Amino acid sequence: MLNYPTNPTGVVLKRNEVLNIVNVLKKYPIFIISDEIYAENTFSGKHVSFAEFEDIRDQLILIGGLSKSHSATGIRIGFLLGPQYLIDKLTFMHAYNCICANVPAQIACITALNEGLEAPKYMNEAYVERRNYLVSELTKLGFEITAQPEGAFYIFPSIKHITDDDFEFCVDLLESTHLAIVPGSSFTEFGKGFVRISYAYEMDVLKEGMKRLAKYLNTK
């Protein structure tokens, strides 16, 4: 299973990096599930999809949707792209789980696809501004950001200069300031000592969050 632009780091793969992965995967009889829900939230250049590479199309399932590209998480509509025989089987299974999406949600998605294709562009401009603000403020507070986010809407700074216990850090921060961020170890063992911060909020909310974080750190 692959996911990029990546949650929680915001890292984006370049075409040569995707091609290197494709050249390895095509040698093995395995299915690739490529979660590209953040594809339209790529800040510079064009998202390179695994579906562009014909060599792996018969072993690829691509996940997409409008929840991130159009901030439409509430309507719960997505899509799968894959070999026809497999999509037929998955459609059969899907019908026994939820039958179909509700009609208003379907109409909203049709409208977004017909009239809102430029929406991600304007959203990304706002995300870049918010990202730059958080990178600047977090750096001032002593956080190390090892990977510059170029997609999605997350920053994954290290807190190892404060503590290695990212879970306890997040719990204490929440209880002390009512500021919620996510411990990196919730995603993978390699996330220990990191935290995920989302910037899918208005700027005034982010500024208040940084103010609370700075105040909290001053007590340590």
N, C-alpha and C. Protein backbone atom coordinates (compact mmCIF):
# COMPACT_ATOMS: atom_id res chain seq x y z
N MET A 1 0.85 -1.19 0.00
CA MET A 1 0.00 0.00 0.00
C MET A 1 0.88 1.24 0.00
N LEU A 2 0.59 2.15 -0.93
CA LEU A 2 1.37 3.38 -1.07
C LEU A 2 0.44 4.57 -0.87
N ASN A 3 0.98 5.64 -0.32
CA ASN A 3 0.18 6.85 -0.06
C ASN A 3 1.04 8.08 -0.32
N TYR A 4 0.62 8.89 -1.30
CA TYR A 4 1.33 10.14 -1.51
C TYR A 4 0.50 11.04 -2.42
N PRO A 5 0.56 12.39 -2.28
CA PRO A 5 1.27 13.08 -1.21
C PRO A 5 0.98 12.47 0.15
N THR A 6 1.99 12.45 0.98
CA THR A 6 1.98 11.57 2.13
C THR A 6 1.35 12.20 3.37
N ASN A 7 0.49 11.44 3.99
CA ASN A 7 0.00 11.71 5.34
C ASN A 7 0.78 10.76 6.26
N PRO A 8 1.63 11.27 7.16
CA PRO A 8 1.56 12.58 7.81
C PRO A 8 2.65 13.60 7.42
N THR A 9 3.53 13.30 6.48
CA THR A 9 4.68 14.18 6.28
C THR A 9 4.47 15.27 5.23
N GLY A 10 3.52 15.07 4.30
CA GLY A 10 3.34 16.02 3.21
C GLY A 10 4.37 15.86 2.10
N VAL A 11 5.13 14.77 2.12
CA VAL A 11 6.17 14.54 1.11
C VAL A 11 5.54 14.15 -0.23
N VAL A 12 6.11 14.65 -1.31
CA VAL A 12 5.67 14.36 -2.67
C VAL A 12 6.79 13.63 -3.41
N LEU A 13 6.44 12.59 -4.16
CA LEU A 13 7.44 11.85 -4.94
C LEU A 13 7.63 12.49 -6.31
N LYS A 14 8.87 12.52 -6.76
CA LYS A 14 9.17 13.00 -8.11
C LYS A 14 8.97 11.86 -9.11
N ARG A 15 8.87 12.21 -10.38
CA ARG A 15 8.60 11.19 -11.41
C ARG A 15 9.65 10.08 -11.40
N ASN A 16 10.91 10.44 -11.28
CA ASN A 16 11.95 9.40 -11.30
C ASN A 16 11.84 8.48 -10.08
N GLU A 17 11.37 9.01 -8.95
CA GLU A 17 11.19 8.19 -7.76
C GLU A 17 10.02 7.23 -7.94
N VAL A 18 8.94 7.73 -8.52
CA VAL A 18 7.79 6.85 -8.81
C VAL A 18 8.20 5.77 -9.80
N LEU A 19 8.95 6.15 -10.83
CA LEU A 19 9.40 5.18 -11.84
C LEU A 19 10.29 4.11 -11.23
N ASN A 20 11.16 4.49 -10.30
CA ASN A 20 12.01 3.51 -9.63
C ASN A 20 11.17 2.49 -8.85
N ILE A 21 10.12 2.97 -8.20
CA ILE A 21 9.23 2.07 -7.47
C ILE A 21 8.50 1.15 -8.43
N VAL A 22 8.01 1.71 -9.54
CA VAL A 22 7.31 0.93 -10.56
C VAL A 22 8.20 -0.18 -11.10
N ASN A 23 9.46 0.14 -11.38
CA ASN A 23 10.38 -0.84 -11.95
C ASN A 23 10.64 -2.00 -11.01
N VAL A 24 10.52 -1.77 -9.73
CA VAL A 24 10.67 -2.86 -8.76
C VAL A 24 9.38 -3.66 -8.66
N LEU A 25 8.25 -2.97 -8.52
CA LEU A 25 6.97 -3.63 -8.29
C LEU A 25 6.54 -4.50 -9.47
N LYS A 26 6.87 -4.09 -10.69
CA LYS A 26 6.41 -4.84 -11.86
C LYS A 26 7.07 -6.22 -11.97
N LYS A 27 8.11 -6.44 -11.18
CA LYS A 27 8.80 -7.74 -11.21
C LYS A 27 8.10 -8.80 -10.36
N TYR A 28 7.13 -8.38 -9.55
CA TYR A 28 6.53 -9.30 -8.59
C TYR A 28 5.02 -9.39 -8.78
N PRO A 29 4.44 -10.58 -8.56
CA PRO A 29 2.99 -10.77 -8.74
C PRO A 29 2.21 -10.29 -7.51
N ILE A 30 2.24 -8.99 -7.27
CA ILE A 30 1.54 -8.43 -6.13
C ILE A 30 0.64 -7.28 -6.58
N PHE A 31 -0.41 -7.05 -5.80
CA PHE A 31 -1.27 -5.90 -6.08
C PHE A 31 -0.75 -4.67 -5.36
N ILE A 32 -0.83 -3.55 -6.03
CA ILE A 32 -0.42 -2.27 -5.45
C ILE A 32 -1.68 -1.46 -5.18
N ILE A 33 -1.89 -1.07 -3.95
CA ILE A 33 -2.99 -0.18 -3.61
C ILE A 33 -2.37 1.21 -3.43
N SER A 34 -2.67 2.10 -4.36
CA SER A 34 -2.10 3.45 -4.34
C SER A 34 -3.16 4.44 -3.90
N ASP A 35 -3.00 4.93 -2.68
CA ASP A 35 -3.94 5.91 -2.13
C ASP A 35 -3.49 7.30 -2.56
N GLU A 36 -4.18 7.86 -3.54
CA GLU A 36 -3.80 9.17 -4.09
C GLU A 36 -4.89 10.21 -3.82
N ILE A 37 -5.48 10.11 -2.63
CA ILE A 37 -6.57 11.01 -2.25
C ILE A 37 -6.10 12.46 -2.17
N TYR A 38 -4.80 12.67 -1.93
CA TYR A 38 -4.25 14.03 -1.86
C TYR A 38 -3.63 14.49 -3.19
N ALA A 39 -3.92 13.79 -4.28
CA ALA A 39 -3.26 14.07 -5.57
C ALA A 39 -3.39 15.53 -5.98
N GLU A 40 -4.59 16.09 -5.84
CA GLU A 40 -4.80 17.48 -6.27
C GLU A 40 -4.18 18.48 -5.30
N ASN A 41 -3.80 18.02 -4.13
CA ASN A 41 -3.15 18.89 -3.15
C ASN A 41 -1.63 18.79 -3.27
N THR A 42 -1.15 18.94 -4.50
CA THR A 42 0.28 19.00 -4.80
C THR A 42 0.61 20.45 -5.12
N PHE A 43 1.56 21.02 -4.38
CA PHE A 43 1.76 22.47 -4.42
C PHE A 43 2.60 22.96 -5.59
N SER A 44 3.56 22.18 -6.03
CA SER A 44 4.40 22.62 -7.14
C SER A 44 4.55 21.48 -8.14
N GLY A 45 4.34 21.79 -9.41
CA GLY A 45 4.40 20.75 -10.42
C GLY A 45 3.12 19.94 -10.46
N LYS A 46 3.15 18.86 -11.21
CA LYS A 46 1.98 18.01 -11.43
C LYS A 46 2.15 16.70 -10.67
N HIS A 47 1.09 16.25 -10.05
CA HIS A 47 1.10 14.95 -9.38
C HIS A 47 1.38 13.85 -10.39
N VAL A 48 2.29 12.95 -10.04
CA VAL A 48 2.61 11.81 -10.90
C VAL A 48 1.90 10.58 -10.33
N SER A 49 0.91 10.10 -11.04
CA SER A 49 0.12 8.97 -10.57
C SER A 49 0.75 7.64 -10.99
N PHE A 50 0.61 6.63 -10.14
CA PHE A 50 1.07 5.30 -10.51
C PHE A 50 0.26 4.75 -11.68
N ALA A 51 -0.94 5.29 -11.90
CA ALA A 51 -1.77 4.83 -13.00
C ALA A 51 -1.22 5.24 -14.36
N GLU A 52 -0.26 6.16 -14.37
CA GLU A 52 0.34 6.60 -15.64
C GLU A 52 1.25 5.53 -16.25
N PHE A 53 1.63 4.53 -15.47
CA PHE A 53 2.63 3.56 -15.92
C PHE A 53 1.93 2.25 -16.32
N GLU A 54 1.91 2.00 -17.62
CA GLU A 54 1.17 0.87 -18.17
C GLU A 54 1.67 -0.47 -17.65
N ASP A 55 2.94 -0.56 -17.33
CA ASP A 55 3.54 -1.83 -16.90
C ASP A 55 2.88 -2.41 -15.64
N ILE A 56 2.27 -1.57 -14.82
CA ILE A 56 1.70 -2.08 -13.56
C ILE A 56 0.18 -1.92 -13.48
N ARG A 57 -0.45 -1.52 -14.57
CA ARG A 57 -1.89 -1.25 -14.51
C ARG A 57 -2.71 -2.48 -14.15
N ASP A 58 -2.25 -3.65 -14.57
CA ASP A 58 -3.00 -4.87 -14.26
C ASP A 58 -2.85 -5.31 -12.81
N GLN A 59 -1.94 -4.67 -12.09
CA GLN A 59 -1.75 -5.02 -10.68
C GLN A 59 -1.94 -3.82 -9.76
N LEU A 60 -2.66 -2.83 -10.28
CA LEU A 60 -2.82 -1.57 -9.54
C LEU A 60 -4.27 -1.31 -9.17
N ILE A 61 -4.49 -0.91 -7.93
CA ILE A 61 -5.78 -0.35 -7.50
C ILE A 61 -5.50 1.05 -7.00
N LEU A 62 -6.11 2.03 -7.62
CA LEU A 62 -5.91 3.43 -7.25
C LEU A 62 -7.13 3.94 -6.49
N ILE A 63 -6.87 4.63 -5.39
CA ILE A 63 -7.93 5.21 -4.58
C ILE A 63 -7.93 6.73 -4.77
N GLY A 64 -9.10 7.29 -5.03
CA GLY A 64 -9.22 8.74 -5.17
C GLY A 64 -10.56 9.22 -4.63
N GLY A 65 -10.80 10.51 -4.72
CA GLY A 65 -12.06 11.05 -4.24
C GLY A 65 -12.02 12.56 -4.18
N LEU A 66 -13.08 13.13 -3.62
CA LEU A 66 -13.20 14.58 -3.54
C LEU A 66 -13.04 15.12 -2.13
N SER A 67 -12.80 14.25 -1.18
CA SER A 67 -12.78 14.69 0.22
C SER A 67 -11.66 15.68 0.51
N LYS A 68 -10.51 15.52 -0.13
CA LYS A 68 -9.39 16.43 0.10
C LYS A 68 -9.32 17.52 -0.96
N SER A 69 -9.56 17.16 -2.21
CA SER A 69 -9.44 18.13 -3.30
C SER A 69 -10.49 19.23 -3.21
N HIS A 70 -11.67 18.89 -2.65
CA HIS A 70 -12.75 19.87 -2.57
C HIS A 70 -13.30 20.03 -1.14
N SER A 71 -12.51 19.59 -0.16
CA SER A 71 -12.93 19.68 1.25
C SER A 71 -14.32 19.09 1.44
N ALA A 72 -14.54 17.94 0.84
CA ALA A 72 -15.87 17.31 0.87
C ALA A 72 -15.87 16.03 1.69
N THR A 73 -15.23 16.07 2.85
CA THR A 73 -15.12 14.86 3.67
C THR A 73 -16.48 14.35 4.13
N GLY A 74 -17.43 15.25 4.32
CA GLY A 74 -18.72 14.85 4.87
C GLY A 74 -19.60 14.04 3.94
N ILE A 75 -19.38 14.15 2.62
CA ILE A 75 -20.28 13.45 1.70
C ILE A 75 -19.86 12.00 1.45
N ARG A 76 -18.67 11.62 1.88
CA ARG A 76 -18.21 10.22 1.87
C ARG A 76 -18.32 9.57 0.49
N ILE A 77 -17.75 10.21 -0.50
CA ILE A 77 -17.72 9.62 -1.85
C ILE A 77 -16.28 9.55 -2.34
N GLY A 78 -15.92 8.39 -2.85
CA GLY A 78 -14.60 8.21 -3.43
C GLY A 78 -14.71 7.32 -4.66
N PHE A 79 -13.57 6.93 -5.21
CA PHE A 79 -13.61 6.05 -6.37
C PHE A 79 -12.39 5.14 -6.37
N LEU A 80 -12.52 4.03 -7.08
CA LEU A 80 -11.43 3.09 -7.29
C LEU A 80 -11.17 2.97 -8.79
N LEU A 81 -9.91 2.83 -9.13
CA LEU A 81 -9.50 2.56 -10.52
C LEU A 81 -8.67 1.30 -10.50
N GLY A 82 -9.03 0.33 -11.35
CA GLY A 82 -8.28 -0.91 -11.36
C GLY A 82 -8.73 -1.80 -12.51
N PRO A 83 -8.19 -3.03 -12.59
CA PRO A 83 -8.59 -3.97 -13.64
C PRO A 83 -10.10 -4.24 -13.58
N GLN A 84 -10.73 -4.36 -14.73
CA GLN A 84 -12.19 -4.48 -14.80
C GLN A 84 -12.72 -5.64 -13.98
N TYR A 85 -12.06 -6.82 -14.06
CA TYR A 85 -12.56 -7.99 -13.34
C TYR A 85 -12.57 -7.76 -11.84
N LEU A 86 -11.59 -7.01 -11.37
CA LEU A 86 -11.50 -6.75 -9.94
C LEU A 86 -12.53 -5.70 -9.50
N ILE A 87 -12.70 -4.66 -10.30
CA ILE A 87 -13.70 -3.65 -10.01
C ILE A 87 -15.09 -4.27 -9.97
N ASP A 88 -15.37 -5.21 -10.87
CA ASP A 88 -16.66 -5.91 -10.87
C ASP A 88 -16.89 -6.64 -9.55
N LYS A 89 -15.86 -7.31 -9.06
CA LYS A 89 -15.98 -8.02 -7.78
C LYS A 89 -16.17 -7.06 -6.62
N LEU A 90 -15.42 -5.97 -6.62
CA LEU A 90 -15.51 -4.98 -5.55
C LEU A 90 -16.86 -4.27 -5.56
N THR A 91 -17.40 -4.03 -6.77
CA THR A 91 -18.73 -3.42 -6.87
C THR A 91 -19.78 -4.34 -6.27
N PHE A 92 -19.65 -5.62 -6.50
CA PHE A 92 -20.57 -6.61 -5.93
C PHE A 92 -20.51 -6.57 -4.40
N MET A 93 -19.30 -6.52 -3.85
CA MET A 93 -19.14 -6.45 -2.39
C MET A 93 -19.69 -5.14 -1.84
N HIS A 94 -19.43 -4.05 -2.55
CA HIS A 94 -19.88 -2.73 -2.12
C HIS A 94 -21.40 -2.66 -2.01
N ALA A 95 -22.08 -3.32 -2.97
CA ALA A 95 -23.53 -3.28 -3.00
C ALA A 95 -24.15 -3.90 -1.74
N TYR A 96 -23.45 -4.83 -1.13
CA TYR A 96 -23.97 -5.48 0.08
C TYR A 96 -23.58 -4.74 1.36
N ASN A 97 -22.77 -3.69 1.22
CA ASN A 97 -22.37 -2.91 2.38
C ASN A 97 -23.15 -1.61 2.51
N CYS A 98 -23.30 -0.87 1.40
CA CYS A 98 -23.97 0.42 1.51
C CYS A 98 -24.83 0.75 0.29
N ILE A 99 -25.01 -0.15 -0.62
CA ILE A 99 -25.84 0.01 -1.82
C ILE A 99 -25.31 1.13 -2.72
N CYS A 100 -25.49 2.40 -2.30
CA CYS A 100 -25.02 3.51 -3.13
C CYS A 100 -24.90 4.76 -2.28
N ALA A 101 -24.21 5.75 -2.82
CA ALA A 101 -24.12 7.04 -2.14
C ALA A 101 -25.47 7.75 -2.26
N ASN A 102 -25.77 8.59 -1.26
CA ASN A 102 -27.05 9.31 -1.32
C ASN A 102 -27.06 10.29 -2.49
N VAL A 103 -28.25 10.58 -2.98
CA VAL A 103 -28.41 11.39 -4.19
C VAL A 103 -27.85 12.81 -4.04
N PRO A 104 -28.12 13.54 -2.95
CA PRO A 104 -27.53 14.88 -2.82
C PRO A 104 -26.01 14.87 -2.91
N ALA A 105 -25.38 13.84 -2.32
CA ALA A 105 -23.92 13.74 -2.38
C ALA A 105 -23.45 13.51 -3.81
N GLN A 106 -24.17 12.67 -4.55
CA GLN A 106 -23.81 12.42 -5.94
C GLN A 106 -23.92 13.69 -6.78
N ILE A 107 -24.99 14.46 -6.55
CA ILE A 107 -25.18 15.71 -7.28
C ILE A 107 -24.06 16.69 -6.95
N ALA A 108 -23.67 16.74 -5.67
CA ALA A 108 -22.57 17.64 -5.26
C ALA A 108 -21.28 17.26 -5.96
N CYS A 109 -21.01 15.97 -6.08
CA CYS A 109 -19.78 15.52 -6.74
C CYS A 109 -19.81 15.83 -8.24
N ILE A 110 -20.95 15.63 -8.87
CA ILE A 110 -21.07 15.95 -10.30
C ILE A 110 -20.81 17.43 -10.53
N THR A 111 -21.37 18.26 -9.64
CA THR A 111 -21.16 19.71 -9.76
C THR A 111 -19.69 20.06 -9.59
N ALA A 112 -19.05 19.43 -8.60
CA ALA A 112 -17.63 19.70 -8.37
C ALA A 112 -16.78 19.33 -9.57
N LEU A 113 -17.09 18.19 -10.20
CA LEU A 113 -16.31 17.72 -11.35
C LEU A 113 -16.58 18.54 -12.60
N ASN A 114 -17.80 19.07 -12.71
CA ASN A 114 -18.16 19.85 -13.89
C ASN A 114 -17.80 21.33 -13.77
N GLU A 115 -17.91 21.86 -12.56
CA GLU A 115 -17.77 23.30 -12.38
C GLU A 115 -16.67 23.72 -11.40
N GLY A 116 -16.09 22.75 -10.69
CA GLY A 116 -15.14 23.12 -9.65
C GLY A 116 -13.76 22.55 -9.81
N LEU A 117 -13.33 22.32 -11.05
CA LEU A 117 -12.01 21.72 -11.26
C LEU A 117 -10.87 22.66 -10.88
N GLU A 118 -11.15 23.96 -10.82
CA GLU A 118 -10.12 24.92 -10.43
C GLU A 118 -10.05 25.12 -8.92
N ALA A 119 -11.01 24.56 -8.20
CA ALA A 119 -11.06 24.77 -6.75
C ALA A 119 -9.78 24.36 -6.04
N PRO A 120 -9.19 23.19 -6.34
CA PRO A 120 -7.95 22.81 -5.65
C PRO A 120 -6.82 23.83 -5.80
N LYS A 121 -6.76 24.50 -6.95
CA LYS A 121 -5.72 25.51 -7.18
C LYS A 121 -5.79 26.61 -6.13
N TYR A 122 -6.99 27.11 -5.89
CA TYR A 122 -7.15 28.20 -4.93
C TYR A 122 -6.96 27.71 -3.50
N MET A 123 -7.39 26.48 -3.23
CA MET A 123 -7.17 25.90 -1.91
C MET A 123 -5.68 25.73 -1.65
N ASN A 124 -4.94 25.27 -2.66
CA ASN A 124 -3.50 25.06 -2.49
C ASN A 124 -2.76 26.36 -2.22
N GLU A 125 -3.22 27.44 -2.83
CA GLU A 125 -2.59 28.74 -2.56
C GLU A 125 -2.73 29.10 -1.08
N ALA A 126 -3.90 28.82 -0.52
CA ALA A 126 -4.11 29.08 0.91
C ALA A 126 -3.28 28.13 1.76
N TYR A 127 -3.19 26.87 1.33
CA TYR A 127 -2.40 25.89 2.09
C TYR A 127 -0.92 26.28 2.13
N VAL A 128 -0.40 26.76 1.01
CA VAL A 128 1.01 27.15 0.95
C VAL A 128 1.28 28.30 1.91
N GLU A 129 0.38 29.27 1.94
CA GLU A 129 0.53 30.39 2.88
C GLU A 129 0.53 29.90 4.32
N ARG A 130 -0.38 29.00 4.64
CA ARG A 130 -0.46 28.48 6.01
C ARG A 130 0.75 27.61 6.34
N ARG A 131 1.17 26.80 5.37
CA ARG A 131 2.37 25.98 5.58
C ARG A 131 3.57 26.85 5.89
N ASN A 132 3.77 27.89 5.08
CA ASN A 132 4.93 28.76 5.28
C ASN A 132 4.90 29.43 6.64
N TYR A 133 3.71 29.81 7.07
CA TYR A 133 3.57 30.42 8.39
C TYR A 133 3.97 29.43 9.48
N LEU A 134 3.46 28.20 9.41
CA LEU A 134 3.78 27.21 10.44
C LEU A 134 5.25 26.83 10.43
N VAL A 135 5.82 26.66 9.24
CA VAL A 135 7.25 26.32 9.16
C VAL A 135 8.07 27.41 9.84
N SER A 136 7.74 28.66 9.57
CA SER A 136 8.46 29.79 10.17
C SER A 136 8.31 29.80 11.69
N GLU A 137 7.08 29.66 12.17
CA GLU A 137 6.83 29.74 13.61
C GLU A 137 7.42 28.54 14.35
N LEU A 138 7.29 27.36 13.78
CA LEU A 138 7.84 26.16 14.43
C LEU A 138 9.37 26.22 14.49
N THR A 139 9.98 26.74 13.43
CA THR A 139 11.44 26.89 13.42
C THR A 139 11.88 27.85 14.51
N LYS A 140 11.14 28.95 14.68
CA LYS A 140 11.46 29.91 15.74
C LYS A 140 11.37 29.25 17.12
N LEU A 141 10.47 28.30 17.26
CA LEU A 141 10.28 27.63 18.55
C LEU A 141 11.27 26.48 18.76
N GLY A 142 12.13 26.25 17.76
CA GLY A 142 13.18 25.24 17.93
C GLY A 142 12.87 23.88 17.35
N PHE A 143 11.77 23.76 16.62
CA PHE A 143 11.42 22.47 16.02
C PHE A 143 12.22 22.25 14.74
N GLU A 144 12.61 21.02 14.51
CA GLU A 144 13.30 20.65 13.28
C GLU A 144 12.31 20.01 12.32
N ILE A 145 12.24 20.54 11.10
CA ILE A 145 11.36 19.98 10.07
C ILE A 145 12.25 19.37 9.01
N THR A 146 12.36 18.06 9.02
CA THR A 146 13.33 17.37 8.16
C THR A 146 12.86 17.26 6.72
N ALA A 147 11.54 17.33 6.50
CA ALA A 147 11.01 17.23 5.13
C ALA A 147 10.06 18.39 4.88
N GLN A 148 10.37 19.21 3.88
CA GLN A 148 9.50 20.33 3.53
C GLN A 148 8.22 19.79 2.91
N PRO A 149 7.06 20.07 3.48
CA PRO A 149 5.80 19.56 2.91
C PRO A 149 5.52 20.20 1.55
N GLU A 150 5.28 19.36 0.55
CA GLU A 150 4.97 19.85 -0.79
C GLU A 150 3.60 19.36 -1.25
N GLY A 151 2.85 18.76 -0.33
CA GLY A 151 1.51 18.29 -0.67
C GLY A 151 0.74 17.96 0.59
N ALA A 152 -0.54 17.57 0.39
CA ALA A 152 -1.47 17.33 1.51
C ALA A 152 -1.57 18.61 2.33
N PHE A 153 -1.76 18.52 3.65
CA PHE A 153 -1.79 19.74 4.47
C PHE A 153 -1.32 19.44 5.89
N TYR A 154 -0.14 18.78 5.95
CA TYR A 154 0.44 18.40 7.23
C TYR A 154 1.92 18.77 7.30
N ILE A 155 2.35 19.02 8.53
CA ILE A 155 3.77 19.20 8.84
C ILE A 155 4.13 18.15 9.88
N PHE A 156 5.33 17.61 9.79
CA PHE A 156 5.73 16.50 10.66
C PHE A 156 7.05 16.85 11.36
N PRO A 157 7.02 17.80 12.29
CA PRO A 157 8.26 18.22 12.94
C PRO A 157 8.73 17.25 14.02
N SER A 158 10.02 17.27 14.25
CA SER A 158 10.62 16.47 15.32
C SER A 158 10.47 17.20 16.66
N ILE A 159 10.18 16.44 17.73
CA ILE A 159 10.17 17.00 19.08
C ILE A 159 11.25 16.34 19.94
N LYS A 160 12.23 15.73 19.27
CA LYS A 160 13.25 14.98 20.00
C LYS A 160 14.12 15.88 20.87
N HIS A 161 14.14 17.19 20.56
CA HIS A 161 14.89 18.12 21.42
C HIS A 161 14.14 18.40 22.73
N ILE A 162 12.86 17.97 22.76
CA ILE A 162 12.04 18.15 23.95
C ILE A 162 11.87 16.82 24.68
N THR A 163 11.45 15.79 23.92
CA THR A 163 11.21 14.46 24.48
C THR A 163 11.11 13.45 23.35
N ASP A 164 11.33 12.18 23.67
CA ASP A 164 11.13 11.10 22.71
C ASP A 164 9.71 10.54 22.81
N ASP A 165 9.01 10.90 23.89
CA ASP A 165 7.66 10.36 24.12
C ASP A 165 6.63 11.27 23.48
N ASP A 166 6.43 11.09 22.18
CA ASP A 166 5.52 11.96 21.44
C ASP A 166 4.07 11.80 21.89
N PHE A 167 3.70 10.60 22.32
CA PHE A 167 2.32 10.37 22.76
C PHE A 167 2.03 11.16 24.04
N GLU A 168 2.91 11.06 25.01
CA GLU A 168 2.72 11.78 26.27
C GLU A 168 2.77 13.29 26.04
N PHE A 169 3.63 13.73 25.13
CA PHE A 169 3.72 15.15 24.80
C PHE A 169 2.38 15.66 24.28
N CYS A 170 1.76 14.92 23.35
CA CYS A 170 0.49 15.34 22.76
C CYS A 170 -0.65 15.32 23.77
N VAL A 171 -0.65 14.32 24.63
CA VAL A 171 -1.69 14.23 25.66
C VAL A 171 -1.56 15.40 26.65
N ASP A 172 -0.34 15.67 27.09
CA ASP A 172 -0.13 16.75 28.04
C ASP A 172 -0.45 18.11 27.42
N LEU A 173 -0.08 18.28 26.14
CA LEU A 173 -0.39 19.52 25.42
C LEU A 173 -1.90 19.72 25.33
N LEU A 174 -2.62 18.66 25.03
CA LEU A 174 -4.07 18.74 24.91
C LEU A 174 -4.72 19.10 26.24
N GLU A 175 -4.29 18.41 27.29
CA GLU A 175 -4.88 18.65 28.61
C GLU A 175 -4.52 20.02 29.16
N SER A 176 -3.34 20.51 28.82
CA SER A 176 -2.87 21.79 29.37
C SER A 176 -3.40 22.99 28.59
N THR A 177 -3.53 22.85 27.28
CA THR A 177 -3.85 24.01 26.45
C THR A 177 -5.07 23.83 25.54
N HIS A 178 -5.62 22.61 25.50
CA HIS A 178 -6.71 22.27 24.58
C HIS A 178 -6.28 22.40 23.12
N LEU A 179 -4.99 22.20 22.87
CA LEU A 179 -4.45 22.20 21.52
C LEU A 179 -4.17 20.75 21.12
N ALA A 180 -4.81 20.30 20.05
CA ALA A 180 -4.70 18.89 19.65
C ALA A 180 -3.81 18.73 18.43
N ILE A 181 -2.76 17.94 18.58
CA ILE A 181 -1.93 17.49 17.46
C ILE A 181 -1.78 15.98 17.61
N VAL A 182 -1.20 15.32 16.62
CA VAL A 182 -1.19 13.86 16.60
C VAL A 182 0.23 13.33 16.80
N PRO A 183 0.43 12.38 17.73
CA PRO A 183 1.77 11.80 17.90
C PRO A 183 2.19 11.01 16.67
N GLY A 184 3.45 11.17 16.28
CA GLY A 184 3.95 10.48 15.10
C GLY A 184 3.94 8.97 15.23
N SER A 185 4.08 8.47 16.46
CA SER A 185 4.09 7.02 16.65
C SER A 185 2.72 6.40 16.41
N SER A 186 1.67 7.23 16.25
CA SER A 186 0.36 6.69 15.89
C SER A 186 0.34 6.18 14.46
N PHE A 187 1.29 6.64 13.63
CA PHE A 187 1.34 6.25 12.22
C PHE A 187 2.29 5.08 11.99
N THR A 188 3.43 5.11 12.64
CA THR A 188 4.46 4.09 12.43
C THR A 188 5.48 4.19 13.55
N GLU A 189 6.19 3.11 13.79
CA GLU A 189 7.24 3.14 14.80
C GLU A 189 8.33 4.15 14.44
N PHE A 190 8.47 4.44 13.14
CA PHE A 190 9.47 5.41 12.71
C PHE A 190 9.04 6.84 13.00
N GLY A 191 7.78 7.01 13.40
CA GLY A 191 7.28 8.34 13.73
C GLY A 191 7.52 8.74 15.18
N LYS A 192 8.13 7.86 15.94
CA LYS A 192 8.40 8.16 17.35
C LYS A 192 9.31 9.39 17.46
N GLY A 193 8.91 10.33 18.30
CA GLY A 193 9.69 11.55 18.44
C GLY A 193 9.28 12.65 17.48
N PHE A 194 8.19 12.42 16.74
CA PHE A 194 7.65 13.42 15.82
C PHE A 194 6.18 13.66 16.14
N VAL A 195 5.63 14.75 15.63
CA VAL A 195 4.21 15.02 15.76
C VAL A 195 3.66 15.50 14.42
N ARG A 196 2.38 15.23 14.19
CA ARG A 196 1.75 15.74 12.97
C ARG A 196 0.87 16.94 13.31
N ILE A 197 1.08 18.02 12.57
CA ILE A 197 0.29 19.23 12.73
C ILE A 197 -0.42 19.51 11.41
N SER A 198 -1.73 19.68 11.47
CA SER A 198 -2.52 19.98 10.27
C SER A 198 -2.67 21.48 10.10
N TYR A 199 -2.59 21.95 8.84
CA TYR A 199 -2.86 23.35 8.59
C TYR A 199 -4.10 23.52 7.70
N ALA A 200 -5.04 22.59 7.84
CA ALA A 200 -6.33 22.70 7.15
C ALA A 200 -7.30 23.52 8.01
N TYR A 201 -6.82 24.68 8.45
CA TYR A 201 -7.59 25.59 9.29
C TYR A 201 -7.37 27.01 8.82
N GLU A 202 -8.26 27.90 9.26
CA GLU A 202 -8.08 29.32 8.95
C GLU A 202 -6.83 29.84 9.66
N MET A 203 -6.24 30.90 9.13
CA MET A 203 -5.00 31.43 9.66
C MET A 203 -5.13 31.87 11.12
N ASP A 204 -6.27 32.43 11.50
CA ASP A 204 -6.41 32.88 12.89
C ASP A 204 -6.39 31.71 13.86
N VAL A 205 -6.90 30.56 13.42
CA VAL A 205 -6.85 29.36 14.25
C VAL A 205 -5.41 28.88 14.40
N LEU A 206 -4.65 28.91 13.31
CA LEU A 206 -3.25 28.50 13.36
C LEU A 206 -2.44 29.43 14.26
N LYS A 207 -2.71 30.71 14.19
CA LYS A 207 -1.98 31.67 15.02
C LYS A 207 -2.28 31.44 16.50
N GLU A 208 -3.52 31.16 16.81
CA GLU A 208 -3.88 30.86 18.19
C GLU A 208 -3.21 29.57 18.65
N GLY A 209 -3.14 28.59 17.75
CA GLY A 209 -2.48 27.33 18.08
C GLY A 209 -1.01 27.52 18.38
N MET A 210 -0.32 28.32 17.57
CA MET A 210 1.09 28.58 17.80
C MET A 210 1.31 29.37 19.09
N LYS A 211 0.38 30.24 19.41
CA LYS A 211 0.47 31.00 20.66
C LYS A 211 0.37 30.06 21.86
N ARG A 212 -0.55 29.10 21.77
CA ARG A 212 -0.72 28.15 22.87
C ARG A 212 0.49 27.21 22.97
N LEU A 213 1.02 26.81 21.82
CA LEU A 213 2.19 25.93 21.82
C LEU A 213 3.39 26.64 22.43
N ALA A 214 3.60 27.89 22.06
CA ALA A 214 4.72 28.66 22.61
C ALA A 214 4.59 28.82 24.12
N LYS A 215 3.40 29.10 24.57
CA LYS A 215 3.15 29.26 26.01
C LYS A 215 3.40 27.96 26.75
N TYR A 216 2.97 26.86 26.15
CA TYR A 216 3.19 25.54 26.76
C TYR A 216 4.68 25.23 26.88
N LEU A 217 5.44 25.49 25.81
CA LEU A 217 6.87 25.19 25.82
C LEU A 217 7.62 26.04 26.84
N ASN A 218 7.13 27.24 27.10
CA ASN A 218 7.77 28.12 28.09
C ASN A 218 7.64 27.59 29.51
N THR A 219 6.72 26.64 29.71
CA THR A 219 6.55 26.06 31.05
C THR A 219 7.42 24.83 31.25
N LYS A 220 8.09 24.40 30.20
CA LYS A 220 8.89 23.18 30.27
C LYS A 220 10.37 23.48 30.58
